[in-house]
Structure formats: structure tokens, C-alpha cells
């Protein structure tokens, strides 16, 4: 596809595509907190609980880069 291999397209999608999706999910969590008038503690709880899976995915990527896997 346009001179790129399947591996290059998949790598681009996993880095930039998934990163953009994560940012969109953070926007959705913030909008949810704003519309529900969650307050400071409620907003923190929403971000902590709903974004915890994203932290694990990012940590996995960072560890792979550090160890050269």
C-alpha cells in the first residue's frame, strides 16, 4: 500500500492510531465528568479507574523500548 509494507502500516497504526484513540478516550472521560458534575474527587475517580488500562498499555510500550524488545 503506497510503498509501505504490512509491518510498517501495522506499526504506524499501533503507535499513532492507538495514541489518538487514547487521547479521544481521555476527552470522553473528561466530558463525562463535566456533564455529570462529578466534582474534584469524582473526576479523579473517573480518570483513575477508566484510564488505568491505558496506563498499563503505555507502560508496556515504554518497558519494551527500554529493554529493546
PDB file of N, CA and C in Angstrom:
ATOM      1  N   UNK A   1       0.842  -1.177   0.000  1.00  0.00           N
ATOM      2  CA  UNK A   1       0.000   0.000   0.000  1.00  0.00           C
ATOM      3  C   UNK A   1       0.886   1.239   0.000  1.00  0.00           C
ATOM      4  N   UNK A   2       0.905   1.942  -1.101  1.00  0.00           N
ATOM      5  CA  UNK A   2       1.685   3.169  -1.269  1.00  0.00           C
ATOM      6  C   UNK A   2       3.164   2.968  -0.964  1.00  0.00           C
ATOM      7  N   UNK A   3       3.689   1.783  -1.215  1.00  0.00           N
ATOM      8  CA  UNK A   3       5.108   1.512  -0.996  1.00  0.00           C
ATOM      9  C   UNK A   3       5.464   1.136   0.429  1.00  0.00           C
ATOM     10  N   UNK A   4       4.480   0.947   1.296  1.00  0.00           N
ATOM     11  CA  UNK A   4       4.746   0.546   2.674  1.00  0.00           C
ATOM     12  C   UNK A   4       4.437  -0.930   2.852  1.00  0.00           C
ATOM     13  N   UNK A   5       5.218  -1.584   3.688  1.00  0.00           N
ATOM     14  CA  UNK A   5       4.949  -2.991   3.965  1.00  0.00           C
ATOM     15  C   UNK A   5       3.834  -3.105   5.008  1.00  0.00           C
ATOM     16  N   UNK A   6       3.309  -4.295   5.137  1.00  0.00           N
ATOM     17  CA  UNK A   6       2.248  -4.523   6.122  1.00  0.00           C
ATOM     18  C   UNK A   6       2.745  -4.247   7.538  1.00  0.00           C
ATOM     19  N   UNK A   7       3.994  -4.589   7.802  1.00  0.00           N
ATOM     20  CA  UNK A   7       4.565  -4.355   9.129  1.00  0.00           C
ATOM     21  C   UNK A   7       4.660  -2.868   9.446  1.00  0.00           C
ATOM     22  N   UNK A   8       5.036  -2.060   8.471  1.00  0.00           N
ATOM     23  CA  UNK A   8       5.140  -0.617   8.683  1.00  0.00           C
ATOM     24  C   UNK A   8       3.773   0.009   8.938  1.00  0.00           C
ATOM     25  N   UNK A   9       2.771  -0.427   8.200  1.00  0.00           N
ATOM     26  CA  UNK A   9       1.417   0.104   8.390  1.00  0.00           C
ATOM     27  C   UNK A   9       0.887  -0.298   9.762  1.00  0.00           C
ATOM     28  N   UNK A  10       1.113  -1.546  10.164  1.00  0.00           N
ATOM     29  CA  UNK A  10       0.651  -2.014  11.475  1.00  0.00           C
ATOM     30  C   UNK A  10       1.371  -1.281  12.600  1.00  0.00           C
ATOM     31  N   UNK A  11       2.676  -1.046  12.436  1.00  0.00           N
ATOM     32  CA  UNK A  11       3.437  -0.327  13.458  1.00  0.00           C
ATOM     33  C   UNK A  11       2.948   1.104  13.592  1.00  0.00           C
ATOM     34  N   UNK A  12       2.663   1.758  12.466  1.00  0.00           N
ATOM     35  CA  UNK A  12       2.144   3.122  12.498  1.00  0.00           C
ATOM     36  C   UNK A  12       0.782   3.159  13.188  1.00  0.00           C
ATOM     37  N   UNK A  13      -0.063   2.219  12.865  1.00  0.00           N
ATOM     38  CA  UNK A  13      -1.388   2.162  13.477  1.00  0.00           C
ATOM     39  C   UNK A  13      -1.327   1.916  14.971  1.00  0.00           C
ATOM     40  N   UNK A  14      -0.399   1.069  15.397  1.00  0.00           N
ATOM     41  CA  UNK A  14      -0.289   0.767  16.823  1.00  0.00           C
ATOM     42  C   UNK A  14       0.278   1.942  17.614  1.00  0.00           C
ATOM     43  N   UNK A  15       1.074   2.783  16.992  1.00  0.00           N
ATOM     44  CA  UNK A  15       1.641   3.914  17.732  1.00  0.00           C
ATOM     45  C   UNK A  15       0.749   5.149  17.619  1.00  0.00           C
ATOM     46  N   UNK A  16       0.553   5.650  16.421  1.00  0.00           N
ATOM     47  CA  UNK A  16      -0.182   6.896  16.262  1.00  0.00           C
ATOM     48  C   UNK A  16      -1.697   6.704  16.309  1.00  0.00           C
ATOM     49  N   UNK A  17      -2.174   5.662  15.672  1.00  0.00           N
ATOM     50  CA  UNK A  17      -3.617   5.413  15.673  1.00  0.00           C
ATOM     51  C   UNK A  17      -4.153   5.123  17.058  1.00  0.00           C
ATOM     52  N   UNK A  18      -3.471   4.244  17.769  1.00  0.00           N
ATOM     53  CA  UNK A  18      -3.908   3.911  19.123  1.00  0.00           C
ATOM     54  C   UNK A  18      -3.682   5.076  20.081  1.00  0.00           C
ATOM     55  N   UNK A  19      -2.611   5.845  19.859  1.00  0.00           N
ATOM     56  CA  UNK A  19      -2.381   7.043  20.676  1.00  0.00           C
ATOM     57  C   UNK A  19      -3.486   8.065  20.511  1.00  0.00           C
ATOM     58  N   UNK A  20      -3.918   8.263  19.277  1.00  0.00           N
ATOM     59  CA  UNK A  20      -5.028   9.193  19.025  1.00  0.00           C
ATOM     60  C   UNK A  20      -6.319   8.684  19.660  1.00  0.00           C
ATOM     61  N   UNK A  21      -6.550   7.379  19.596  1.00  0.00           N
ATOM     62  CA  UNK A  21      -7.733   6.796  20.216  1.00  0.00           C
ATOM     63  C   UNK A  21      -7.692   6.969  21.737  1.00  0.00           C
ATOM     64  N   UNK A  22      -6.507   6.846  22.343  1.00  0.00           N
ATOM     65  CA  UNK A  22      -6.375   7.039  23.791  1.00  0.00           C
ATOM     66  C   UNK A  22      -6.678   8.487  24.180  1.00  0.00           C
ATOM     67  N   UNK A  23      -6.184   9.427  23.400  1.00  0.00           N
ATOM     68  CA  UNK A  23      -6.480  10.836  23.675  1.00  0.00           C
ATOM     69  C   UNK A  23      -7.974  11.111  23.554  1.00  0.00           C
ATOM     70  N   UNK A  24      -8.619  10.500  22.569  1.00  0.00           N
ATOM     71  CA  UNK A  24     -10.059  10.662  22.406  1.00  0.00           C
ATOM     72  C   UNK A  24     -10.800  10.075  23.601  1.00  0.00           C
ATOM     73  N   UNK A  25     -10.331   8.944  24.112  1.00  0.00           N
ATOM     74  CA  UNK A  25     -10.957   8.338  25.288  1.00  0.00           C
ATOM     75  C   UNK A  25     -10.799   9.235  26.516  1.00  0.00           C
ATOM     76  N   UNK A  26      -9.646   9.889  26.659  1.00  0.00           N
ATOM     77  CA  UNK A  26      -9.461  10.825  27.769  1.00  0.00           C
ATOM     78  C   UNK A  26     -10.422  12.005  27.645  1.00  0.00           C
ATOM     79  N   UNK A  27     -10.634  12.480  26.417  1.00  0.00           N
ATOM     80  CA  UNK A  27     -11.607  13.546  26.187  1.00  0.00           C
ATOM     81  C   UNK A  27     -13.007  13.090  26.599  1.00  0.00           C
ATOM     82  N   UNK A  28     -13.372  11.865  26.252  1.00  0.00           N
ATOM     83  CA  UNK A  28     -14.686  11.338  26.605  1.00  0.00           C
ATOM     84  C   UNK A  28     -14.841  11.243  28.120  1.00  0.00           C
ATOM     85  N   UNK A  29     -13.807  10.800  28.816  1.00  0.00           N
ATOM     86  CA  UNK A  29     -13.866  10.705  30.279  1.00  0.00           C
ATOM     87  C   UNK A  29     -14.035  12.096  30.886  1.00  0.00           C
ATOM     88  N   UNK A  30     -13.298  13.085  30.376  1.00  0.00           N
ATOM     89  CA  UNK A  30     -13.430  14.452  30.864  1.00  0.00           C
ATOM     90  C   UNK A  30     -14.814  15.019  30.611  1.00  0.00           C
ATOM     91  N   UNK A  31     -15.355  14.751  29.442  1.00  0.00           N
ATOM     92  CA  UNK A  31     -16.703  15.214  29.118  1.00  0.00           C
ATOM     93  C   UNK A  31     -17.739  14.550  30.020  1.00  0.00           C
ATOM     94  N   UNK A  32     -17.541  13.276  30.299  1.00  0.00           N
ATOM     95  CA  UNK A  32     -18.434  12.552  31.204  1.00  0.00           C
ATOM     96  C   UNK A  32     -18.393  13.156  32.607  1.00  0.00           C
ATOM     97  N   UNK A  33     -17.216  13.491  33.083  1.00  0.00           N
ATOM     98  CA  UNK A  33     -17.083  14.100  34.406  1.00  0.00           C
ATOM     99  C   UNK A  33     -17.724  15.487  34.436  1.00  0.00           C
ATOM    100  N   UNK A  34     -17.549  16.246  33.357  1.00  0.00           N
ATOM    101  CA  UNK A  34     -18.110  17.598  33.306  1.00  0.00           C
ATOM    102  C   UNK A  34     -19.637  17.574  33.275  1.00  0.00           C
ATOM    103  N   UNK A  35     -20.188  16.723  32.422  1.00  0.00           N
ATOM    104  CA  UNK A  35     -21.657  16.693  32.276  1.00  0.00           C
ATOM    105  C   UNK A  35     -22.360  16.102  33.480  1.00  0.00           C
ATOM    106  N   UNK A  36     -21.679  15.215  34.210  1.00  0.00           N
ATOM    107  CA  UNK A  36     -22.309  14.628  35.391  1.00  0.00           C
ATOM    108  C   UNK A  36     -22.060  15.467  36.642  1.00  0.00           C
ATOM    109  N   UNK A  37     -21.294  16.565  36.499  1.00  0.00           N
ATOM    110  CA  UNK A  37     -20.947  17.440  37.628  1.00  0.00           C
ATOM    111  C   UNK A  37     -20.344  16.622  38.771  1.00  0.00           C
ATOM    112  N   UNK A  38     -19.312  15.866  38.435  1.00  0.00           N
ATOM    113  CA  UNK A  38     -18.721  14.902  39.360  1.00  0.00           C
ATOM    114  C   UNK A  38     -17.924  15.558  40.487  1.00  0.00           C
ATOM    115  N   UNK A  39     -17.448  16.754  40.320  1.00  0.00           N
ATOM    116  CA  UNK A  39     -16.614  17.387  41.333  1.00  0.00           C
ATOM    117  C   UNK A  39     -15.174  16.916  41.202  1.00  0.00           C
ATOM    118  N   UNK A  40     -14.319  17.393  42.102  1.00  0.00           N
ATOM    119  CA  UNK A  40     -12.894  17.070  42.003  1.00  0.00           C
ATOM    120  C   UNK A  40     -12.620  15.605  42.313  1.00  0.00           C
ATOM    121  N   UNK A  41     -13.201  15.102  43.376  1.00  0.00           N
ATOM    122  CA  UNK A  41     -12.947  13.707  43.764  1.00  0.00           C
ATOM    123  C   UNK A  41     -13.572  12.752  42.749  1.00  0.00           C
ATOM    124  N   UNK A  42     -14.764  13.056  42.296  1.00  0.00           N
ATOM    125  CA  UNK A  42     -15.418  12.217  41.301  1.00  0.00           C
ATOM    126  C   UNK A  42     -14.685  12.208  39.974  1.00  0.00           C
ATOM    127  N   UNK A  43     -14.185  13.371  39.574  1.00  0.00           N
ATOM    128  CA  UNK A  43     -13.419  13.455  38.331  1.00  0.00           C
ATOM    129  C   UNK A  43     -12.137  12.652  38.454  1.00  0.00           C
ATOM    130  N   UNK A  44     -11.465  12.767  39.597  1.00  0.00           N
ATOM    131  CA  UNK A  44     -10.250  11.982  39.817  1.00  0.00           C
ATOM    132  C   UNK A  44     -10.554  10.492  39.775  1.00  0.00           C
ATOM    133  N   UNK A  45     -11.652  10.087  40.406  1.00  0.00           N
ATOM    134  CA  UNK A  45     -12.025   8.668  40.413  1.00  0.00           C
ATOM    135  C   UNK A  45     -12.317   8.181  38.999  1.00  0.00           C
ATOM    136  N   UNK A  46     -13.031   8.982  38.212  1.00  0.00           N
ATOM    137  CA  UNK A  46     -13.322   8.590  36.831  1.00  0.00           C
ATOM    138  C   UNK A  46     -12.046   8.425  36.012  1.00  0.00           C
ATOM    139  N   UNK A  47     -11.159   9.405  36.100  1.00  0.00           N
ATOM    140  CA  UNK A  47      -9.917   9.314  35.341  1.00  0.00           C
ATOM    141  C   UNK A  47      -9.057   8.159  35.825  1.00  0.00           C
ATOM    142  N   UNK A  48      -8.986   7.949  37.131  1.00  0.00           N
ATOM    143  CA  UNK A  48      -8.143   6.882  37.670  1.00  0.00           C
ATOM    144  C   UNK A  48      -8.654   5.516  37.243  1.00  0.00           C
ATOM    145  N   UNK A  49      -9.930   5.286  37.403  1.00  0.00           N
ATOM    146  CA  UNK A  49     -10.494   3.965  37.115  1.00  0.00           C
ATOM    147  C   UNK A  49     -10.572   3.705  35.613  1.00  0.00           C
ATOM    148  N   UNK A  50     -11.098   4.649  34.853  1.00  0.00           N
ATOM    149  CA  UNK A  50     -11.322   4.410  33.435  1.00  0.00           C
ATOM    150  C   UNK A  50     -10.044   4.496  32.600  1.00  0.00           C
ATOM    151  N   UNK A  51      -9.057   5.239  33.048  1.00  0.00           N
ATOM    152  CA  UNK A  51      -7.825   5.367  32.283  1.00  0.00           C
ATOM    153  C   UNK A  51      -6.724   4.432  32.780  1.00  0.00           C
ATOM    154  N   UNK A  52      -7.008   3.603  33.758  1.00  0.00           N
ATOM    155  CA  UNK A  52      -5.976   2.737  34.329  1.00  0.00           C
ATOM    156  C   UNK A  52      -5.464   1.723  33.304  1.00  0.00           C
ATOM    157  N   UNK A  53      -6.320   1.209  32.444  1.00  0.00           N
ATOM    158  CA  UNK A  53      -5.897   0.272  31.418  1.00  0.00           C
ATOM    159  C   UNK A  53      -4.959   0.901  30.411  1.00  0.00           C
ATOM    160  N   UNK A  54      -5.182   2.169  30.102  1.00  0.00           N
ATOM    161  CA  UNK A  54      -4.294   2.863  29.167  1.00  0.00           C
ATOM    162  C   UNK A  54      -2.904   3.030  29.762  1.00  0.00           C
ATOM    163  N   UNK A  55      -2.827   3.246  31.066  1.00  0.00           N
ATOM    164  CA  UNK A  55      -1.527   3.398  31.727  1.00  0.00           C
ATOM    165  C   UNK A  55      -0.728   2.110  31.583  1.00  0.00           C
ATOM    166  N   UNK A  56      -1.382   0.973  31.741  1.00  0.00           N
ATOM    167  CA  UNK A  56      -0.703  -0.308  31.585  1.00  0.00           C
ATOM    168  C   UNK A  56      -0.195  -0.516  30.172  1.00  0.00           C
ATOM    169  N   UNK A  57      -0.978  -0.121  29.186  1.00  0.00           N
ATOM    170  CA  UNK A  57      -0.548  -0.272  27.796  1.00  0.00           C
ATOM    171  C   UNK A  57       0.646   0.620  27.494  1.00  0.00           C
ATOM    172  N   UNK A  58       0.617   1.851  27.986  1.00  0.00           N
ATOM    173  CA  UNK A  58       1.735   2.766  27.762  1.00  0.00           C
ATOM    174  C   UNK A  58       2.977   2.267  28.495  1.00  0.00           C
ATOM    175  N   UNK A  59       2.803   1.761  29.715  1.00  0.00           N
ATOM    176  CA  UNK A  59       3.942   1.232  30.470  1.00  0.00           C
ATOM    177  C   UNK A  59       4.571   0.050  29.735  1.00  0.00           C
ATOM    178  N   UNK A  60       3.744  -0.796  29.143  1.00  0.00           N
ATOM    179  CA  UNK A  60       4.261  -1.933  28.376  1.00  0.00           C
ATOM    180  C   UNK A  60       5.108  -1.447  27.208  1.00  0.00           C
ATOM    181  N   UNK A  61       4.650  -0.429  26.521  1.00  0.00           N
ATOM    182  CA  UNK A  61       5.403   0.113  25.390  1.00  0.00           C
ATOM    183  C   UNK A  61       6.730   0.724  25.841  1.00  0.00           C
ATOM    184  N   UNK A  62       6.694   1.445  26.961  1.00  0.00           N
ATOM    185  CA  UNK A  62       7.916   2.070  27.474  1.00  0.00           C
ATOM    186  C   UNK A  62       8.922   1.004  27.898  1.00  0.00           C
ATOM    187  N   UNK A  63       8.461  -0.034  28.569  1.00  0.00           N
ATOM    188  CA  UNK A  63       9.355  -1.111  29.004  1.00  0.00           C
ATOM    189  C   UNK A  63       9.954  -1.821  27.802  1.00  0.00           C
ATOM    190  N   UNK A  64       9.169  -2.047  26.753  1.00  0.00           N
ATOM    191  CA  UNK A  64       9.699  -2.674  25.549  1.00  0.00           C
ATOM    192  C   UNK A  64      10.769  -1.809  24.908  1.00  0.00           C
ATOM    193  N   UNK A  65      10.575  -0.504  24.882  1.00  0.00           N
ATOM    194  CA  UNK A  65      11.587   0.398  24.299  1.00  0.00           C
ATOM    195  C   UNK A  65      12.850   0.405  25.147  1.00  0.00           C
ATOM    196  N   UNK A  66      12.693   0.403  26.473  1.00  0.00           N
ATOM    197  CA  UNK A  66      13.862   0.448  27.363  1.00  0.00           C
ATOM    198  C   UNK A  66      14.693  -0.822  27.255  1.00  0.00           C
ATOM    199  N   UNK A  67      14.045  -1.956  27.174  1.00  0.00           N
ATOM    200  CA  UNK A  67      14.750  -3.237  27.130  1.00  0.00           C
ATOM    201  C   UNK A  67      15.127  -3.648  25.714  1.00  0.00           C
ATOM    202  N   UNK A  68      14.644  -2.934  24.737  1.00  0.00           N
ATOM    203  CA  UNK A  68      14.979  -3.239  23.350  1.00  0.00           C
ATOM    204  C   UNK A  68      14.310  -4.496  22.814  1.00  0.00           C
ATOM    205  N   UNK A  69      13.123  -4.763  23.293  1.00  0.00           N
ATOM    206  CA  UNK A  69      12.408  -5.965  22.864  1.00  0.00           C
ATOM    207  C   UNK A  69      11.700  -5.675  21.550  1.00  0.00           C
TER     208      UNK A  69
END
